[in-house]
Amino acid sequence: MQHIARDQVYQSLKQVLRERYLRAAEAEITLTADSLRQGVVKLDKWLWKKILIKLYKGPEERASIEQKVQENIAEINSTIGS
């Protein structure tokens, strides 16, 4: 189940990156997505919001997930910044 969720988030991330960087080659999109997934680059708040919009259509479901994601982002960013 975790693999399915992880793959869905990864595919949504790539879709958001494609929309943001229209002229980027697929290899660049994949490299950027992999860097974000591996924690090499910090995930910005706008990026998570776009991913959540792609994954969850209902506002209540999205708000609940967004709160959990924000908590995780803060935790990850504090770890990376240390």
C-alpha atoms as a PDB file:
ATOM      1  CA  MET A   1       0.000   0.000   0.000  1.00  0.00           C
ATOM      2  CA  GLN A   2       2.829   2.394   0.829  1.00  0.00           C
ATOM      3  CA  HIS A   3       4.434   1.726  -2.547  1.00  0.00           C
ATOM      4  CA  ILE A   4       1.208   2.629  -4.323  1.00  0.00           C
ATOM      5  CA  ALA A   5       0.867   5.885  -2.359  1.00  0.00           C
ATOM      6  CA  ARG A   6       4.536   6.705  -2.895  1.00  0.00           C
ATOM      7  CA  ASP A   7       4.203   6.103  -6.640  1.00  0.00           C
ATOM      8  CA  GLN A   8       1.083   8.275  -6.822  1.00  0.00           C
ATOM      9  CA  VAL A   9       2.832  11.147  -5.032  1.00  0.00           C
ATOM     10  CA  TYR A  10       5.897  10.729  -7.255  1.00  0.00           C
ATOM     11  CA  GLN A  11       3.812  10.777 -10.443  1.00  0.00           C
ATOM     12  CA  SER A  12       1.899  13.846  -9.204  1.00  0.00           C
ATOM     13  CA  LEU A  13       5.215  15.536  -8.419  1.00  0.00           C
ATOM     14  CA  LYS A  14       6.435  14.884 -11.949  1.00  0.00           C
ATOM     15  CA  GLN A  15       3.158  16.191 -13.377  1.00  0.00           C
ATOM     16  CA  VAL A  16       3.448  19.420 -11.357  1.00  0.00           C
ATOM     17  CA  LEU A  17       7.062  19.846 -12.478  1.00  0.00           C
ATOM     18  CA  ARG A  18       6.046  19.318 -16.126  1.00  0.00           C
ATOM     19  CA  GLU A  19       3.381  22.007 -15.770  1.00  0.00           C
ATOM     20  CA  ARG A  20       5.809  24.413 -14.094  1.00  0.00           C
ATOM     21  CA  TYR A  21       8.736  23.831 -16.469  1.00  0.00           C
ATOM     22  CA  LEU A  22       7.094  23.382 -19.852  1.00  0.00           C
ATOM     23  CA  ARG A  23      10.329  23.426 -21.849  1.00  0.00           C
ATOM     24  CA  ALA A  24      12.249  20.994 -19.659  1.00  0.00           C
ATOM     25  CA  ALA A  25      13.148  17.602 -21.095  1.00  0.00           C
ATOM     26  CA  GLU A  26      11.678  14.503 -19.486  1.00  0.00           C
ATOM     27  CA  ALA A  27      15.131  13.524 -18.213  1.00  0.00           C
ATOM     28  CA  GLU A  28      15.421  16.867 -16.388  1.00  0.00           C
ATOM     29  CA  ILE A  29      11.956  16.455 -14.870  1.00  0.00           C
ATOM     30  CA  THR A  30      12.858  12.964 -13.661  1.00  0.00           C
ATOM     31  CA  LEU A  31      16.199  14.144 -12.252  1.00  0.00           C
ATOM     32  CA  THR A  32      14.522  17.004 -10.382  1.00  0.00           C
ATOM     33  CA  ALA A  33      11.775  14.724  -9.059  1.00  0.00           C
ATOM     34  CA  ASP A  34      14.364  12.194  -7.901  1.00  0.00           C
ATOM     35  CA  SER A  35      16.380  14.921  -6.163  1.00  0.00           C
ATOM     36  CA  LEU A  36      13.270  16.106  -4.346  1.00  0.00           C
ATOM     37  CA  ARG A  37      12.273  12.563  -3.417  1.00  0.00           C
ATOM     38  CA  GLN A  38      15.727  11.748  -2.036  1.00  0.00           C
ATOM     39  CA  GLY A  39      15.845  14.925   0.053  1.00  0.00           C
ATOM     40  CA  VAL A  40      18.759  16.466  -1.860  1.00  0.00           C
ATOM     41  CA  VAL A  41      16.610  19.556  -2.417  1.00  0.00           C
ATOM     42  CA  LYS A  42      14.067  20.916   0.054  1.00  0.00           C
ATOM     43  CA  LEU A  43      10.416  20.692  -0.917  1.00  0.00           C
ATOM     44  CA  ASP A  44       8.729  24.072  -1.037  1.00  0.00           C
ATOM     45  CA  LYS A  45       5.261  24.647   0.340  1.00  0.00           C
ATOM     46  CA  TRP A  46       3.807  25.558  -3.079  1.00  0.00           C
ATOM     47  CA  LEU A  47       4.981  22.246  -4.499  1.00  0.00           C
ATOM     48  CA  TRP A  48       3.242  20.197  -1.814  1.00  0.00           C
ATOM     49  CA  LYS A  49       0.036  22.162  -2.276  1.00  0.00           C
ATOM     50  CA  LYS A  50       0.024  21.478  -6.009  1.00  0.00           C
ATOM     51  CA  ILE A  51       0.676  17.777  -5.427  1.00  0.00           C
ATOM     52  CA  LEU A  52      -2.165  17.587  -2.902  1.00  0.00           C
ATOM     53  CA  ILE A  53      -4.553  19.277  -5.304  1.00  0.00           C
ATOM     54  CA  LYS A  54      -3.671  16.629  -7.905  1.00  0.00           C
ATOM     55  CA  LEU A  55      -4.108  13.762  -5.433  1.00  0.00           C
ATOM     56  CA  TYR A  56      -7.130  14.830  -3.372  1.00  0.00           C
ATOM     57  CA  LYS A  57     -10.130  16.625  -4.831  1.00  0.00           C
ATOM     58  CA  GLY A  58     -12.283  17.083  -1.709  1.00  0.00           C
ATOM     59  CA  PRO A  59     -11.472  20.147   0.446  1.00  0.00           C
ATOM     60  CA  GLU A  60     -11.865  18.336   3.787  1.00  0.00           C
ATOM     61  CA  GLU A  61      -9.688  15.421   2.721  1.00  0.00           C
ATOM     62  CA  ARG A  62      -7.114  17.804   1.240  1.00  0.00           C
ATOM     63  CA  ALA A  63      -7.029  19.985   4.396  1.00  0.00           C
ATOM     64  CA  SER A  64      -6.425  16.986   6.641  1.00  0.00           C
ATOM     65  CA  ILE A  65      -3.653  15.638   4.434  1.00  0.00           C
ATOM     66  CA  GLU A  66      -2.138  19.104   3.979  1.00  0.00           C
ATOM     67  CA  GLN A  67      -1.848  19.548   7.749  1.00  0.00           C
ATOM     68  CA  LYS A  68      -0.018  16.228   8.085  1.00  0.00           C
ATOM     69  CA  VAL A  69       2.252  17.078   5.162  1.00  0.00           C
ATOM     70  CA  GLN A  70       3.104  20.487   6.640  1.00  0.00           C
ATOM     71  CA  GLU A  71       4.127  18.801   9.884  1.00  0.00           C
ATOM     72  CA  ASN A  72       6.319  16.364   7.955  1.00  0.00           C
ATOM     73  CA  ILE A  73       7.878  19.143   5.865  1.00  0.00           C
ATOM     74  CA  ALA A  74       8.796  21.075   8.995  1.00  0.00           C
ATOM     75  CA  GLU A  75      10.358  17.957  10.487  1.00  0.00           C
ATOM     76  CA  ILE A  76      12.309  17.113   7.306  1.00  0.00           C
ATOM     77  CA  ASN A  77      13.496  20.670   6.767  1.00  0.00           C
ATOM     78  CA  SER A  78      14.714  20.926  10.351  1.00  0.00           C
ATOM     79  CA  THR A  79      16.639  17.680   9.877  1.00  0.00           C
ATOM     80  CA  ILE A  80      18.182  18.847   6.575  1.00  0.00           C
ATOM     81  CA  GLY A  81      19.022  22.246   8.037  1.00  0.00           C
ATOM     82  CA  SER A  82      20.843  20.714  11.002  1.00  0.00           C
END
